Amino acid sequence: MIKPEVFDIELQELATFAKVISHPARLAILKYLAETKTCISGDISDKLPLSRTTVSQHLKELRDMGLIHGEIDGLKINYCLCGTCISEKLELFDTFFGKIKSTEIICSTEKNCQ
């Protein structure tokens, strides 16, 4: 059992973000929104090999994380990326992995470092 409270808030936030973007359908939704700039939720389900209900569940995860915004337009919801939130999350990743990347790593054999 993992006890998130024993980890600092940045690690918890980074782990939550990683969990949200770990699903290929969510990455496909983000990619689609980046390519189209904005769209209607029904359009997204037409572009992915998933049911409308499944796409809605993934949209909820992305929205809850703040990566996308949804604006009600009549009976439809227009979704778009939240550039500010995405930038903040990417900065967390850059900071975390930048420290790891800059660490000198010494392995006893090269094949162990794959």
PDB file of N, CA and C in Angstrom:
ATOM      1  N   MET A   1       0.836  -1.188   0.000  1.00  0.00           N
ATOM      2  CA  MET A   1       0.000   0.000   0.000  1.00  0.00           C
ATOM      3  C   MET A   1       0.877   1.246   0.000  1.00  0.00           C
ATOM      4  N   ILE A   2       0.593   2.144  -0.916  1.00  0.00           N
ATOM      5  CA  ILE A   2       1.363   3.383  -1.010  1.00  0.00           C
ATOM      6  C   ILE A   2       0.683   4.448  -0.155  1.00  0.00           C
ATOM      7  N   LYS A   3       1.477   5.135   0.623  1.00  0.00           N
ATOM      8  CA  LYS A   3       0.972   6.221   1.461  1.00  0.00           C
ATOM      9  C   LYS A   3       1.448   7.539   0.863  1.00  0.00           C
ATOM     10  N   PRO A   4       0.620   8.160   0.019  1.00  0.00           N
ATOM     11  CA  PRO A   4       1.064   9.385  -0.645  1.00  0.00           C
ATOM     12  C   PRO A   4       1.456  10.494   0.306  1.00  0.00           C
ATOM     13  N   GLU A   5       0.866  10.526   1.495  1.00  0.00           N
ATOM     14  CA  GLU A   5       1.153  11.615   2.424  1.00  0.00           C
ATOM     15  C   GLU A   5       2.598  11.621   2.915  1.00  0.00           C
ATOM     16  N   VAL A   6       3.326  10.515   2.748  1.00  0.00           N
ATOM     17  CA  VAL A   6       4.727  10.492   3.174  1.00  0.00           C
ATOM     18  C   VAL A   6       5.647  11.109   2.118  1.00  0.00           C
ATOM     19  N   PHE A   7       5.087  11.436   0.944  1.00  0.00           N
ATOM     20  CA  PHE A   7       5.869  12.046  -0.131  1.00  0.00           C
ATOM     21  C   PHE A   7       5.511  13.520  -0.236  1.00  0.00           C
ATOM     22  N   ASP A   8       6.497  14.324  -0.660  1.00  0.00           N
ATOM     23  CA  ASP A   8       6.218  15.754  -0.750  1.00  0.00           C
ATOM     24  C   ASP A   8       5.173  16.038  -1.826  1.00  0.00           C
ATOM     25  N   ILE A   9       4.589  17.200  -1.747  1.00  0.00           N
ATOM     26  CA  ILE A   9       3.458  17.578  -2.593  1.00  0.00           C
ATOM     27  C   ILE A   9       3.825  17.573  -4.075  1.00  0.00           C
ATOM     28  N   GLU A  10       5.057  17.964  -4.412  1.00  0.00           N
ATOM     29  CA  GLU A  10       5.472  17.972  -5.818  1.00  0.00           C
ATOM     30  C   GLU A  10       5.519  16.562  -6.393  1.00  0.00           C
ATOM     31  N   LEU A  11       6.009  15.599  -5.609  1.00  0.00           N
ATOM     32  CA  LEU A  11       6.033  14.214  -6.080  1.00  0.00           C
ATOM     33  C   LEU A  11       4.617  13.664  -6.233  1.00  0.00           C
ATOM     34  N   GLN A  12       3.742  14.023  -5.324  1.00  0.00           N
ATOM     35  CA  GLN A  12       2.353  13.586  -5.431  1.00  0.00           C
ATOM     36  C   GLN A  12       1.690  14.168  -6.673  1.00  0.00           C
ATOM     37  N   GLU A  13       1.936  15.453  -6.920  1.00  0.00           N
ATOM     38  CA  GLU A  13       1.360  16.116  -8.089  1.00  0.00           C
ATOM     39  C   GLU A  13       1.914  15.521  -9.384  1.00  0.00           C
ATOM     40  N   LEU A  14       3.204  15.277  -9.407  1.00  0.00           N
ATOM     41  CA  LEU A  14       3.836  14.679 -10.573  1.00  0.00           C
ATOM     42  C   LEU A  14       3.290  13.277 -10.836  1.00  0.00           C
ATOM     43  N   ALA A  15       3.112  12.495  -9.783  1.00  0.00           N
ATOM     44  CA  ALA A  15       2.574  11.135  -9.922  1.00  0.00           C
ATOM     45  C   ALA A  15       1.133  11.158 -10.422  1.00  0.00           C
ATOM     46  N   THR A  16       0.338  12.087  -9.920  1.00  0.00           N
ATOM     47  CA  THR A  16      -1.050  12.202 -10.372  1.00  0.00           C
ATOM     48  C   THR A  16      -1.104  12.591 -11.838  1.00  0.00           C
ATOM     49  N   PHE A  17      -0.283  13.548 -12.225  1.00  0.00           N
ATOM     50  CA  PHE A  17      -0.211  13.965 -13.632  1.00  0.00           C
ATOM     51  C   PHE A  17       0.215  12.798 -14.513  1.00  0.00           C
ATOM     52  N   ALA A  18       1.239  12.072 -14.081  1.00  0.00           N
ATOM     53  CA  ALA A  18       1.727  10.928 -14.856  1.00  0.00           C
ATOM     54  C   ALA A  18       0.634   9.874 -15.002  1.00  0.00           C
ATOM     55  N   LYS A  19      -0.134   9.663 -13.959  1.00  0.00           N
ATOM     56  CA  LYS A  19      -1.221   8.685 -14.014  1.00  0.00           C
ATOM     57  C   LYS A  19      -2.281   9.109 -15.029  1.00  0.00           C
ATOM     58  N   VAL A  20      -2.621  10.387 -15.032  1.00  0.00           N
ATOM     59  CA  VAL A  20      -3.642  10.879 -15.955  1.00  0.00           C
ATOM     60  C   VAL A  20      -3.183  10.752 -17.406  1.00  0.00           C
ATOM     61  N   ILE A  21      -1.935  11.073 -17.680  1.00  0.00           N
ATOM     62  CA  ILE A  21      -1.467  11.015 -19.076  1.00  0.00           C
ATOM     63  C   ILE A  21      -0.939   9.635 -19.466  1.00  0.00           C
ATOM     64  N   SER A  22      -1.055   8.665 -18.570  1.00  0.00           N
ATOM     65  CA  SER A  22      -0.509   7.335 -18.870  1.00  0.00           C
ATOM     66  C   SER A  22      -1.390   6.500 -19.789  1.00  0.00           C
ATOM     67  N   HIS A  23      -2.585   6.971 -20.085  1.00  0.00           N
ATOM     68  CA  HIS A  23      -3.475   6.205 -20.957  1.00  0.00           C
ATOM     69  C   HIS A  23      -3.373   6.722 -22.392  1.00  0.00           C
ATOM     70  N   PRO A  24      -3.186   5.824 -23.357  1.00  0.00           N
ATOM     71  CA  PRO A  24      -3.054   6.261 -24.758  1.00  0.00           C
ATOM     72  C   PRO A  24      -4.261   7.036 -25.279  1.00  0.00           C
ATOM     73  N   ALA A  25      -5.449   6.711 -24.802  1.00  0.00           N
ATOM     74  CA  ALA A  25      -6.641   7.440 -25.258  1.00  0.00           C
ATOM     75  C   ALA A  25      -6.576   8.901 -24.812  1.00  0.00           C
ATOM     76  N   ARG A  26      -6.092   9.144 -23.605  1.00  0.00           N
ATOM     77  CA  ARG A  26      -5.987  10.522 -23.121  1.00  0.00           C
ATOM     78  C   ARG A  26      -4.923  11.287 -23.900  1.00  0.00           C
ATOM     79  N   LEU A  27      -3.839  10.604 -24.218  1.00  0.00           N
ATOM     80  CA  LEU A  27      -2.807  11.244 -25.042  1.00  0.00           C
ATOM     81  C   LEU A  27      -3.361  11.553 -26.431  1.00  0.00           C
ATOM     82  N   ALA A  28      -4.160  10.644 -26.973  1.00  0.00           N
ATOM     83  CA  ALA A  28      -4.769  10.864 -28.290  1.00  0.00           C
ATOM     84  C   ALA A  28      -5.723  12.055 -28.250  1.00  0.00           C
ATOM     85  N   ILE A  29      -6.469  12.194 -27.169  1.00  0.00           N
ATOM     86  CA  ILE A  29      -7.373  13.334 -27.021  1.00  0.00           C
ATOM     87  C   ILE A  29      -6.578  14.633 -26.965  1.00  0.00           C
ATOM     88  N   LEU A  30      -5.506  14.652 -26.164  1.00  0.00           N
ATOM     89  CA  LEU A  30      -4.669  15.862 -26.084  1.00  0.00           C
ATOM     90  C   LEU A  30      -4.070  16.205 -27.445  1.00  0.00           C
ATOM     91  N   LYS A  31      -3.607  15.192 -28.138  1.00  0.00           N
ATOM     92  CA  LYS A  31      -3.023  15.406 -29.470  1.00  0.00           C
ATOM     93  C   LYS A  31      -4.069  15.973 -30.425  1.00  0.00           C
ATOM     94  N   TYR A  32      -5.255  15.391 -30.405  1.00  0.00           N
ATOM     95  CA  TYR A  32      -6.329  15.859 -31.279  1.00  0.00           C
ATOM     96  C   TYR A  32      -6.695  17.315 -30.977  1.00  0.00           C
ATOM     97  N   LEU A  33      -6.815  17.645 -29.691  1.00  0.00           N
ATOM     98  CA  LEU A  33      -7.134  19.024 -29.327  1.00  0.00           C
ATOM     99  C   LEU A  33      -6.022  19.989 -29.742  1.00  0.00           C
ATOM    100  N   ALA A  34      -4.779  19.541 -29.641  1.00  0.00           N
ATOM    101  CA  ALA A  34      -3.654  20.387 -30.055  1.00  0.00           C
ATOM    102  C   ALA A  34      -3.699  20.634 -31.567  1.00  0.00           C
ATOM    103  N   GLU A  35      -4.100  19.633 -32.310  1.00  0.00           N
ATOM    104  CA  GLU A  35      -4.149  19.766 -33.768  1.00  0.00           C
ATOM    105  C   GLU A  35      -5.328  20.615 -34.228  1.00  0.00           C
ATOM    106  N   THR A  36      -6.457  20.517 -33.529  1.00  0.00           N
ATOM    107  CA  THR A  36      -7.664  21.218 -33.967  1.00  0.00           C
ATOM    108  C   THR A  36      -7.901  22.532 -33.231  1.00  0.00           C
ATOM    109  N   LYS A  37      -7.156  22.780 -32.168  1.00  0.00           N
ATOM    110  CA  LYS A  37      -7.250  23.977 -31.331  1.00  0.00           C
ATOM    111  C   LYS A  37      -8.502  23.958 -30.448  1.00  0.00           C
ATOM    112  N   THR A  38      -9.630  23.540 -30.952  1.00  0.00           N
ATOM    113  CA  THR A  38     -10.862  23.407 -30.179  1.00  0.00           C
ATOM    114  C   THR A  38     -11.776  22.440 -30.913  1.00  0.00           C
ATOM    115  N   CYS A  39     -12.694  21.833 -30.208  1.00  0.00           N
ATOM    116  CA  CYS A  39     -13.599  20.910 -30.869  1.00  0.00           C
ATOM    117  C   CYS A  39     -14.800  20.627 -29.991  1.00  0.00           C
ATOM    118  N   ILE A  40     -15.717  19.872 -30.490  1.00  0.00           N
ATOM    119  CA  ILE A  40     -16.915  19.463 -29.763  1.00  0.00           C
ATOM    120  C   ILE A  40     -16.711  18.019 -29.327  1.00  0.00           C
ATOM    121  N   SER A  41     -17.162  17.672 -28.144  1.00  0.00           N
ATOM    122  CA  SER A  41     -16.902  16.342 -27.589  1.00  0.00           C
ATOM    123  C   SER A  41     -17.303  15.218 -28.537  1.00  0.00           C
ATOM    124  N   GLY A  42     -18.393  15.363 -29.248  1.00  0.00           N
ATOM    125  CA  GLY A  42     -18.815  14.330 -30.198  1.00  0.00           C
ATOM    126  C   GLY A  42     -17.796  14.112 -31.287  1.00  0.00           C
ATOM    127  N   ASP A  43     -17.142  15.174 -31.708  1.00  0.00           N
ATOM    128  CA  ASP A  43     -16.111  15.060 -32.737  1.00  0.00           C
ATOM    129  C   ASP A  43     -14.952  14.191 -32.258  1.00  0.00           C
ATOM    130  N   ILE A  44     -14.618  14.281 -31.000  1.00  0.00           N
ATOM    131  CA  ILE A  44     -13.509  13.506 -30.460  1.00  0.00           C
ATOM    132  C   ILE A  44     -13.815  12.018 -30.540  1.00  0.00           C
ATOM    133  N   SER A  45     -15.015  11.628 -30.159  1.00  0.00           N
ATOM    134  CA  SER A  45     -15.354  10.201 -30.193  1.00  0.00           C
ATOM    135  C   SER A  45     -15.418   9.686 -31.629  1.00  0.00           C
ATOM    136  N   ASP A  46     -15.670  10.562 -32.590  1.00  0.00           N
ATOM    137  CA  ASP A  46     -15.652  10.145 -33.991  1.00  0.00           C
ATOM    138  C   ASP A  46     -14.227   9.872 -34.479  1.00  0.00           C
ATOM    139  N   LYS A  47     -13.241  10.482 -33.831  1.00  0.00           N
ATOM    140  CA  LYS A  47     -11.844  10.350 -34.252  1.00  0.00           C
ATOM    141  C   LYS A  47     -11.090   9.227 -33.555  1.00  0.00           C
ATOM    142  N   LEU A  48     -11.659   8.702 -32.475  1.00  0.00           N
ATOM    143  CA  LEU A  48     -10.992   7.649 -31.704  1.00  0.00           C
ATOM    144  C   LEU A  48     -11.795   6.352 -31.778  1.00  0.00           C
ATOM    145  N   PRO A  49     -11.108   5.223 -31.697  1.00  0.00           N
ATOM    146  CA  PRO A  49     -11.811   3.937 -31.754  1.00  0.00           C
ATOM    147  C   PRO A  49     -12.417   3.553 -30.403  1.00  0.00           C
ATOM    148  N   LEU A  50     -13.130   4.511 -29.794  1.00  0.00           N
ATOM    149  CA  LEU A  50     -13.725   4.306 -28.478  1.00  0.00           C
ATOM    150  C   LEU A  50     -15.164   4.809 -28.494  1.00  0.00           C
ATOM    151  N   SER A  51     -15.956   4.264 -27.599  1.00  0.00           N
ATOM    152  CA  SER A  51     -17.340   4.722 -27.501  1.00  0.00           C
ATOM    153  C   SER A  51     -17.384   6.143 -26.944  1.00  0.00           C
ATOM    154  N   ARG A  52     -18.498   6.805 -27.178  1.00  0.00           N
ATOM    155  CA  ARG A  52     -18.686   8.169 -26.676  1.00  0.00           C
ATOM    156  C   ARG A  52     -18.593   8.196 -25.151  1.00  0.00           C
ATOM    157  N   THR A  53     -19.132   7.165 -24.497  1.00  0.00           N
ATOM    158  CA  THR A  53     -19.088   7.083 -23.036  1.00  0.00           C
ATOM    159  C   THR A  53     -17.656   6.976 -22.536  1.00  0.00           C
ATOM    160  N   THR A  54     -16.856   6.140 -23.187  1.00  0.00           N
ATOM    161  CA  THR A  54     -15.453   5.971 -22.790  1.00  0.00           C
ATOM    162  C   THR A  54     -14.679   7.265 -23.001  1.00  0.00           C
ATOM    163  N   VAL A  55     -14.907   7.921 -24.128  1.00  0.00           N
ATOM    164  CA  VAL A  55     -14.242   9.200 -24.396  1.00  0.00           C
ATOM    165  C   VAL A  55     -14.635  10.215 -23.318  1.00  0.00           C
ATOM    166  N   SER A  56     -15.899  10.232 -22.939  1.00  0.00           N
ATOM    167  CA  SER A  56     -16.359  11.152 -21.892  1.00  0.00           C
ATOM    168  C   SER A  56     -15.643  10.914 -20.575  1.00  0.00           C
ATOM    169  N   GLN A  57     -15.414   9.645 -20.242  1.00  0.00           N
ATOM    170  CA  GLN A  57     -14.686   9.328 -19.009  1.00  0.00           C
ATOM    171  C   GLN A  57     -13.257   9.849 -19.064  1.00  0.00           C
ATOM    172  N   HIS A  58     -12.610   9.687 -20.222  1.00  0.00           N
ATOM    173  CA  HIS A  58     -11.237  10.187 -20.372  1.00  0.00           C
ATOM    174  C   HIS A  58     -11.209  11.715 -20.357  1.00  0.00           C
ATOM    175  N   LEU A  59     -12.198  12.348 -20.973  1.00  0.00           N
ATOM    176  CA  LEU A  59     -12.286  13.808 -20.944  1.00  0.00           C
ATOM    177  C   LEU A  59     -12.434  14.303 -19.508  1.00  0.00           C
ATOM    178  N   LYS A  60     -13.203  13.589 -18.695  1.00  0.00           N
ATOM    179  CA  LYS A  60     -13.376  13.965 -17.296  1.00  0.00           C
ATOM    180  C   LYS A  60     -12.043  13.919 -16.556  1.00  0.00           C
ATOM    181  N   GLU A  61     -11.249  12.868 -16.778  1.00  0.00           N
ATOM    182  CA  GLU A  61      -9.939  12.760 -16.124  1.00  0.00           C
ATOM    183  C   GLU A  61      -9.046  13.943 -16.515  1.00  0.00           C
ATOM    184  N   LEU A  62      -9.031  14.264 -17.799  1.00  0.00           N
ATOM    185  CA  LEU A  62      -8.208  15.382 -18.281  1.00  0.00           C
ATOM    186  C   LEU A  62      -8.713  16.706 -17.734  1.00  0.00           C
ATOM    187  N   ARG A  63     -10.021  16.859 -17.664  1.00  0.00           N
ATOM    188  CA  ARG A  63     -10.618  18.083 -17.137  1.00  0.00           C
ATOM    189  C   ARG A  63     -10.344  18.221 -15.642  1.00  0.00           C
ATOM    190  N   ASP A  64     -10.487  17.120 -14.898  1.00  0.00           N
ATOM    191  CA  ASP A  64     -10.222  17.154 -13.459  1.00  0.00           C
ATOM    192  C   ASP A  64      -8.775  17.530 -13.160  1.00  0.00           C
ATOM    193  N   MET A  65      -7.853  17.114 -14.020  1.00  0.00           N
ATOM    194  CA  MET A  65      -6.437  17.469 -13.849  1.00  0.00           C
ATOM    195  C   MET A  65      -6.188  18.913 -14.271  1.00  0.00           C
ATOM    196  N   GLY A  66      -7.125  19.500 -15.023  1.00  0.00           N
ATOM    197  CA  GLY A  66      -6.982  20.883 -15.467  1.00  0.00           C
ATOM    198  C   GLY A  66      -6.300  21.015 -16.814  1.00  0.00           C
ATOM    199  N   LEU A  67      -6.045  19.884 -17.467  1.00  0.00           N
ATOM    200  CA  LEU A  67      -5.345  19.926 -18.756  1.00  0.00           C
ATOM    201  C   LEU A  67      -6.227  20.424 -19.890  1.00  0.00           C
ATOM    202  N   ILE A  68      -7.549  20.301 -19.721  1.00  0.00           N
ATOM    203  CA  ILE A  68      -8.481  20.794 -20.729  1.00  0.00           C
ATOM    204  C   ILE A  68      -9.591  21.582 -20.039  1.00  0.00           C
ATOM    205  N   HIS A  69     -10.248  22.427 -20.826  1.00  0.00           N
ATOM    206  CA  HIS A  69     -11.423  23.180 -20.376  1.00  0.00           C
ATOM    207  C   HIS A  69     -12.593  22.731 -21.233  1.00  0.00           C
ATOM    208  N   GLY A  70     -13.765  22.740 -20.652  1.00  0.00           N
ATOM    209  CA  GLY A  70     -14.976  22.452 -21.401  1.00  0.00           C
ATOM    210  C   GLY A  70     -15.949  23.603 -21.254  1.00  0.00           C
ATOM    211  N   GLU A  71     -16.438  24.107 -22.376  1.00  0.00           N
ATOM    212  CA  GLU A  71     -17.391  25.211 -22.373  1.00  0.00           C
ATOM    213  C   GLU A  71     -18.703  24.720 -22.965  1.00  0.00           C
ATOM    214  N   ILE A  72     -19.765  24.859 -22.206  1.00  0.00           N
ATOM    215  CA  ILE A  72     -21.076  24.395 -22.667  1.00  0.00           C
ATOM    216  C   ILE A  72     -21.576  25.325 -23.760  1.00  0.00           C
ATOM    217  N   ASP A  73     -22.005  24.707 -24.863  1.00  0.00           N
ATOM    218  CA  ASP A  73     -22.542  25.438 -26.014  1.00  0.00           C
ATOM    219  C   ASP A  73     -23.819  24.721 -26.432  1.00  0.00           C
ATOM    220  N   GLY A  74     -24.927  25.136 -25.841  1.00  0.00           N
ATOM    221  CA  GLY A  74     -26.190  24.447 -26.108  1.00  0.00           C
ATOM    222  C   GLY A  74     -26.167  23.057 -25.506  1.00  0.00           C
ATOM    223  N   LEU A  75     -26.352  22.052 -26.340  1.00  0.00           N
ATOM    224  CA  LEU A  75     -26.334  20.667 -25.878  1.00  0.00           C
ATOM    225  C   LEU A  75     -24.951  20.034 -25.977  1.00  0.00           C
ATOM    226  N   LYS A  76     -23.997  20.771 -26.483  1.00  0.00           N
ATOM    227  CA  LYS A  76     -22.642  20.236 -26.675  1.00  0.00           C
ATOM    228  C   LYS A  76     -21.654  20.942 -25.756  1.00  0.00           C
ATOM    229  N   ILE A  77     -20.497  20.321 -25.600  1.00  0.00           N
ATOM    230  CA  ILE A  77     -19.422  20.927 -24.825  1.00  0.00           C
ATOM    231  C   ILE A  77     -18.213  21.085 -25.737  1.00  0.00           C
ATOM    232  N   ASN A  78     -17.721  22.298 -25.832  1.00  0.00           N
ATOM    233  CA  ASN A  78     -16.512  22.566 -26.608  1.00  0.00           C
ATOM    234  C   ASN A  78     -15.315  22.418 -25.685  1.00  0.00           C
ATOM    235  N   TYR A  79     -14.388  21.563 -26.064  1.00  0.00           N
ATOM    236  CA  TYR A  79     -13.189  21.336 -25.266  1.00  0.00           C
ATOM    237  C   TYR A  79     -11.992  21.989 -25.917  1.00  0.00           C
ATOM    238  N   CYS A  80     -11.085  22.505 -25.069  1.00  0.00           N
ATOM    239  CA  CYS A  80      -9.813  23.034 -25.567  1.00  0.00           C
ATOM    240  C   CYS A  80      -8.739  22.787 -24.510  1.00  0.00           C
ATOM    241  N   LEU A  81      -7.505  22.869 -24.935  1.00  0.00           N
ATOM    242  CA  LEU A  81      -6.368  22.667 -24.030  1.00  0.00           C
ATOM    243  C   LEU A  81      -6.213  23.849 -23.090  1.00  0.00           C
ATOM    244  N   CYS A  82      -5.697  23.580 -21.909  1.00  0.00           N
ATOM    245  CA  CYS A  82      -5.352  24.645 -20.964  1.00  0.00           C
ATOM    246  C   CYS A  82      -3.833  24.784 -20.981  1.00  0.00           C
ATOM    247  N   GLY A  83      -3.358  25.722 -21.768  1.00  0.00           N
ATOM    248  CA  GLY A  83      -1.918  25.909 -21.936  1.00  0.00           C
ATOM    249  C   GLY A  83      -1.182  26.201 -20.648  1.00  0.00           C
ATOM    250  N   THR A  84      -1.805  26.967 -19.758  1.00  0.00           N
ATOM    251  CA  THR A  84      -1.168  27.309 -18.485  1.00  0.00           C
ATOM    252  C   THR A  84      -0.924  26.064 -17.649  1.00  0.00           C
ATOM    253  N   CYS A  85      -1.945  25.229 -17.505  1.00  0.00           N
ATOM    254  CA  CYS A  85      -1.821  24.010 -16.704  1.00  0.00           C
ATOM    255  C   CYS A  85      -0.814  23.052 -17.334  1.00  0.00           C
ATOM    256  N   ILE A  86      -0.881  22.903 -18.639  1.00  0.00           N
ATOM    257  CA  ILE A  86       0.063  22.012 -19.328  1.00  0.00           C
ATOM    258  C   ILE A  86       1.491  22.497 -19.108  1.00  0.00           C
ATOM    259  N   SER A  87       1.716  23.792 -19.210  1.00  0.00           N
ATOM    260  CA  SER A  87       3.054  24.344 -18.979  1.00  0.00           C
ATOM    261  C   SER A  87       3.537  24.073 -17.560  1.00  0.00           C
ATOM    262  N   GLU A  88       2.646  24.234 -16.585  1.00  0.00           N
ATOM    263  CA  GLU A  88       3.011  23.975 -15.191  1.00  0.00           C
ATOM    264  C   GLU A  88       3.395  22.516 -14.977  1.00  0.00           C
ATOM    265  N   LYS A  89       2.613  21.604 -15.560  1.00  0.00           N
ATOM    266  CA  LYS A  89       2.891  20.170 -15.385  1.00  0.00           C
ATOM    267  C   LYS A  89       4.189  19.781 -16.088  1.00  0.00           C
ATOM    268  N   LEU A  90       4.415  20.337 -17.265  1.00  0.00           N
ATOM    269  CA  LEU A  90       5.653  20.041 -17.988  1.00  0.00           C
ATOM    270  C   LEU A  90       6.865  20.579 -17.237  1.00  0.00           C
ATOM    271  N   GLU A  91       6.695  21.712 -16.577  1.00  0.00           N
ATOM    272  CA  GLU A  91       7.788  22.262 -15.776  1.00  0.00           C
ATOM    273  C   GLU A  91       8.127  21.330 -14.611  1.00  0.00           C
ATOM    274  N   LEU A  92       7.100  20.730 -13.999  1.00  0.00           N
ATOM    275  CA  LEU A  92       7.337  19.740 -12.946  1.00  0.00           C
ATOM    276  C   LEU A  92       8.175  18.578 -13.476  1.00  0.00           C
ATOM    277  N   PHE A  93       7.781  18.063 -14.658  1.00  0.00           N
ATOM    278  CA  PHE A  93       8.522  16.972 -15.273  1.00  0.00           C
ATOM    279  C   PHE A  93       9.956  17.387 -15.584  1.00  0.00           C
ATOM    280  N   ASP A  94      10.103  18.562 -16.189  1.00  0.00           N
ATOM    281  CA  ASP A  94      11.439  19.044 -16.551  1.00  0.00           C
ATOM    282  C   ASP A  94      12.337  19.187 -15.328  1.00  0.00           C
ATOM    283  N   THR A  95      11.791  19.745 -14.258  1.00  0.00           N
ATOM    284  CA  THR A  95      12.568  19.919 -13.033  1.00  0.00           C
ATOM    285  C   THR A  95      12.974  18.570 -12.459  1.00  0.00           C
ATOM    286  N   PHE A  96      12.013  17.674 -12.356  1.00  0.00           N
ATOM    287  CA  PHE A  96      12.278  16.355 -11.776  1.00  0.00           C
ATOM    288  C   PHE A  96      13.286  15.569 -12.610  1.00  0.00           C
ATOM    289  N   PHE A  97      13.016  15.437 -13.910  1.00  0.00           N
ATOM    290  CA  PHE A  97      13.900  14.626 -14.743  1.00  0.00           C
ATOM    291  C   PHE A  97      15.196  15.342 -15.082  1.00  0.00           C
ATOM    292  N   GLY A  98      15.205  16.675 -15.027  1.00  0.00           N
ATOM    293  CA  GLY A  98      16.450  17.416 -15.232  1.00  0.00           C
ATOM    294  C   GLY A  98      17.479  17.079 -14.166  1.00  0.00           C
ATOM    295  N   LYS A  99      17.014  16.957 -12.923  1.00  0.00           N
ATOM    296  CA  LYS A  99      17.916  16.591 -11.826  1.00  0.00           C
ATOM    297  C   LYS A  99      18.438  15.165 -11.998  1.00  0.00           C
ATOM    298  N   ILE A 100      17.583  14.286 -12.431  1.00  0.00           N
ATOM    299  CA  ILE A 100      17.990  12.895 -12.643  1.00  0.00           C
ATOM    300  C   ILE A 100      18.948  12.798 -13.828  1.00  0.00           C
ATOM    301  N   LYS A 101      18.615  13.503 -14.900  1.00  0.00           N
ATOM    302  CA  LYS A 101      19.438  13.470 -16.111  1.00  0.00           C
ATOM    303  C   LYS A 101      20.842  14.008 -15.851  1.00  0.00           C
ATOM    304  N   SER A 102      20.945  15.025 -15.006  1.00  0.00           N
ATOM    305  CA  SER A 102      22.247  15.642 -14.759  1.00  0.00           C
ATOM    306  C   SER A 102      23.091  14.868 -13.745  1.00  0.00           C
ATOM    307  N   THR A 103      22.515  13.850 -13.132  1.00  0.00           N
ATOM    308  CA  THR A 103      23.250  13.049 -12.161  1.00  0.00           C
ATOM    309  C   THR A 103      24.211  12.120 -12.889  1.00  0.00           C
ATOM    310  N   GLU A 104      25.423  12.069 -12.408  1.00  0.00           N
ATOM    311  CA  GLU A 104      26.391  11.155 -13.011  1.00  0.00           C
ATOM    312  C   GLU A 104      26.032   9.733 -12.585  1.00  0.00           C
ATOM    313  N   ILE A 105      25.804   8.900 -13.574  1.00  0.00           N
ATOM    314  CA  ILE A 105      25.403   7.519 -13.306  1.00  0.00           C
ATOM    315  C   ILE A 105      26.568   6.600 -13.661  1.00  0.00           C
ATOM    316  N   ILE A 106      26.947   5.778 -12.715  1.00  0.00           N
ATOM    317  CA  ILE A 106      28.031   4.831 -12.932  1.00  0.00           C
ATOM    318  C   ILE A 106      27.464   3.425 -12.780  1.00  0.00           C
ATOM    319  N   CYS A 107      27.563   2.653 -13.850  1.00  0.00           N
ATOM    320  CA  CYS A 107      27.074   1.284 -13.825  1.00  0.00           C
ATOM    321  C   CYS A 107      28.266   0.330 -13.882  1.00  0.00           C
ATOM    322  N   SER A 108      28.099  -0.827 -13.279  1.00  0.00           N
ATOM    323  CA  SER A 108      29.187  -1.797 -13.288  1.00  0.00           C
ATOM    324  C   SER A 108      29.368  -2.396 -14.682  1.00  0.00           C
ATOM    325  N   THR A 109      28.292  -2.548 -15.411  1.00  0.00           N
ATOM    326  CA  THR A 109      28.387  -3.013 -16.799  1.00  0.00           C
ATOM    327  C   THR A 109      27.392  -2.226 -17.623  1.00  0.00           C
ATOM    328  N   GLU A 110      27.707  -1.999 -18.876  1.00  0.00           N
ATOM    329  CA  GLU A 110      26.851  -1.226 -19.756  1.00  0.00           C
ATOM    330  C   GLU A 110      25.494  -1.881 -19.977  1.00  0.00           C
ATOM    331  N   LYS A 111      25.446  -3.216 -20.033  1.00  0.00           N
ATOM    332  CA  LYS A 111      24.178  -3.859 -20.338  1.00  0.00           C
ATOM    333  C   LYS A 111      23.153  -3.666 -19.220  1.00  0.00           C
ATOM    334  N   ASN A 112      23.578  -3.331 -18.004  1.00  0.00           N
ATOM    335  CA  ASN A 112      22.658  -3.071 -16.912  1.00  0.00           C
ATOM    336  C   ASN A 112      22.015  -1.678 -17.025  1.00  0.00           C
ATOM    337  N   CYS A 113      22.526  -0.837 -17.901  1.00  0.00           N
ATOM    338  CA  CYS A 113      22.060   0.548 -18.005  1.00  0.00           C
ATOM    339  C   CYS A 113      21.071   0.753 -19.146  1.00  0.00           C
ATOM    340  N   GLN A 114      20.494  -0.255 -19.636  1.00  0.00           N
ATOM    341  CA  GLN A 114      19.593  -0.101 -20.776  1.00  0.00           C
ATOM    342  C   GLN A 114      18.364   0.525 -20.385  1.00  0.00           C
TER     343      GLN A 114
END
